[in-house]
N, C-alpha and C. Protein backbone atom coordinates (compact mmCIF):
# COMPACT_ATOMS: atom_id res chain seq x y z
N MET A 1 0.85 -1.03 0.04
CA MET A 1 -0.05 0.19 -0.02
C MET A 1 0.92 1.07 0.08
N ASP A 2 0.65 2.09 -0.94
CA ASP A 2 1.42 3.28 -1.08
C ASP A 2 1.02 4.25 0.00
N ILE A 3 1.88 5.40 0.17
CA ILE A 3 1.78 6.41 1.21
C ILE A 3 0.52 7.33 1.06
N SER A 4 -0.05 7.52 -0.29
CA SER A 4 -1.19 8.28 -0.42
C SER A 4 -2.46 7.53 -0.07
N ARG A 5 -2.48 6.21 -0.35
CA ARG A 5 -3.60 5.45 0.08
C ARG A 5 -3.66 5.49 1.64
N LYS A 6 -2.39 5.32 2.45
CA LYS A 6 -2.32 5.26 3.67
C LYS A 6 -2.93 6.63 4.14
N LEU A 7 -2.52 7.82 3.64
CA LEU A 7 -3.12 9.14 4.24
C LEU A 7 -4.54 9.06 3.73
N GLY A 8 -5.08 8.65 2.79
CA GLY A 8 -6.45 8.70 2.46
C GLY A 8 -7.34 7.97 3.52
N ILE A 9 -6.78 6.76 3.97
CA ILE A 9 -7.41 6.03 5.14
C ILE A 9 -7.41 6.68 6.17
N LEU A 10 -6.32 7.38 6.80
CA LEU A 10 -6.31 8.22 7.92
C LEU A 10 -7.53 9.38 7.80
N VAL A 11 -7.58 10.12 6.60
CA VAL A 11 -8.66 11.06 6.51
C VAL A 11 -10.02 10.50 6.58
N PHE A 12 -10.03 9.36 6.06
CA PHE A 12 -11.57 8.64 6.26
C PHE A 12 -11.89 8.25 7.47
N CYS A 13 -10.74 8.04 8.25
CA CYS A 13 -11.04 7.83 9.74
C CYS A 13 -11.00 9.16 10.56
N GLY A 14 -10.20 10.27 10.06
CA GLY A 14 -10.29 11.22 10.84
C GLY A 14 -11.58 12.06 10.97
N VAL A 15 -12.17 12.20 9.71
CA VAL A 15 -13.24 12.92 9.60
C VAL A 15 -14.42 12.26 10.59
N PRO A 16 -14.84 10.93 10.65
CA PRO A 16 -15.77 10.51 11.35
C PRO A 16 -15.47 10.64 13.10
N ALA A 17 -13.99 10.71 13.23
CA ALA A 17 -13.50 10.99 14.51
C ALA A 17 -14.03 12.57 15.05
N ILE A 18 -13.88 13.38 14.01
CA ILE A 18 -14.30 14.83 14.80
C ILE A 18 -16.06 14.82 14.69
N ILE A 19 -16.52 14.40 13.52
CA ILE A 19 -17.88 14.43 13.61
C ILE A 19 -18.67 13.57 14.25
N GLY A 20 -18.13 12.44 14.44
CA GLY A 20 -18.79 11.28 15.23
C GLY A 20 -18.68 11.61 16.82
N GLY A 21 -17.49 12.39 17.17
CA GLY A 21 -17.33 12.57 18.40
C GLY A 21 -18.18 13.60 19.15
N GLY A 22 -18.47 14.37 18.28
CA GLY A 22 -19.55 15.60 18.52
C GLY A 22 -20.90 15.06 18.67
N ILE A 23 -20.93 14.04 17.87
CA ILE A 23 -22.48 13.39 18.03
C ILE A 23 -22.62 12.48 19.38
N VAL A 24 -21.64 11.54 19.51
CA VAL A 24 -21.52 10.94 20.75
C VAL A 24 -21.54 11.64 22.05
N TYR A 25 -20.92 12.92 21.85
CA TYR A 25 -20.76 13.94 23.17
C TYR A 25 -22.16 14.55 23.41
N GLY A 26 -23.05 14.85 22.27
CA GLY A 26 -24.33 15.27 22.25
C GLY A 26 -25.31 14.19 22.70
N MET A 27 -25.02 12.84 22.48
CA MET A 27 -25.93 11.96 23.13
C MET A 27 -25.65 11.59 24.46
N ALA A 28 -24.44 11.63 24.81
CA ALA A 28 -23.97 10.97 26.09
C ALA A 28 -23.91 12.17 27.19
N GLY A 29 -23.53 13.28 26.71
CA GLY A 29 -23.09 14.28 27.47
C GLY A 29 -21.80 14.39 28.39
N SER A 30 -21.01 13.41 28.14
CA SER A 30 -19.61 13.35 28.63
C SER A 30 -18.74 13.08 27.90
N TYR A 31 -17.41 13.26 28.07
CA TYR A 31 -16.12 12.98 27.47
C TYR A 31 -15.71 11.61 27.31
N THR A 32 -16.06 10.76 28.22
CA THR A 32 -15.54 9.59 28.52
C THR A 32 -16.20 8.51 27.20
N PRO A 33 -17.32 8.42 27.02
CA PRO A 33 -17.81 7.98 25.60
C PRO A 33 -17.05 8.47 24.37
N VAL A 34 -16.76 9.70 24.12
CA VAL A 34 -16.13 10.23 23.21
C VAL A 34 -14.51 9.79 22.96
N ALA A 35 -14.13 9.70 24.28
CA ALA A 35 -12.71 8.96 24.19
C ALA A 35 -12.75 7.59 23.84
N VAL A 36 -13.68 6.88 24.44
CA VAL A 36 -13.73 5.45 23.92
C VAL A 36 -14.07 5.21 22.47
N TYR A 37 -14.83 5.92 22.09
CA TYR A 37 -15.27 5.99 20.42
C TYR A 37 -14.05 6.21 19.70
N GLU A 38 -13.22 7.36 19.94
CA GLU A 38 -12.17 7.81 19.18
C GLU A 38 -11.10 6.66 19.34
N ILE A 39 -10.82 6.25 20.61
CA ILE A 39 -9.65 5.10 20.76
C ILE A 39 -10.04 3.93 19.84
N ILE A 40 -11.35 3.68 19.57
CA ILE A 40 -11.77 2.53 18.84
C ILE A 40 -11.59 2.71 17.30
N LEU A 41 -11.91 3.89 16.99
CA LEU A 41 -11.83 4.39 15.70
C LEU A 41 -10.22 4.46 15.30
N TYR A 42 -9.48 4.89 16.07
CA TYR A 42 -7.92 5.00 15.88
C TYR A 42 -7.38 3.57 15.75
N LEU A 43 -7.66 2.81 16.57
CA LEU A 43 -7.40 1.52 16.56
C LEU A 43 -7.64 0.71 15.20
N VAL A 44 -8.96 0.89 14.67
CA VAL A 44 -9.21 0.29 13.26
C VAL A 44 -8.46 0.83 12.24
N GLY A 45 -8.19 2.33 12.33
CA GLY A 45 -7.51 2.91 11.30
C GLY A 45 -6.02 2.36 11.45
N GLY A 46 -5.44 2.30 12.45
CA GLY A 46 -4.11 1.73 12.56
C GLY A 46 -4.04 0.45 12.12
N ALA A 47 -4.93 -0.51 12.50
CA ALA A 47 -4.93 -1.80 11.82
C ALA A 47 -4.99 -1.70 10.42
N ILE A 48 -5.91 -0.92 9.78
CA ILE A 48 -5.98 -0.90 8.22
C ILE A 48 -4.51 -0.60 7.79
N ILE A 49 -4.00 0.64 8.32
CA ILE A 49 -2.92 1.21 7.59
C ILE A 49 -1.55 0.03 8.02
N SER A 50 -1.66 -0.56 9.05
CA SER A 50 -0.42 -1.46 9.26
C SER A 50 -0.23 -2.50 8.52
N LYS A 51 -1.26 -2.81 7.67
CA LYS A 51 -1.40 -3.90 6.57
C LYS A 51 -0.54 -3.81 5.43
C-alpha cells in the first residue's frame, strides 16, 4: 500500500472522529464515551494502515 492510500485512509477515519465525537458527546453528555469512541476508531484505522 502506497503512502497516498495510507493518508487517504487516515482522512477517512479522521473525519468520523471529529464529527462522530460531537454526535457521541451530544447523546452522552460526557467526554468518556467520546474518548472510547475515538480510541476504537483510531485502533481500526491503525490496523488498516499497518497491513
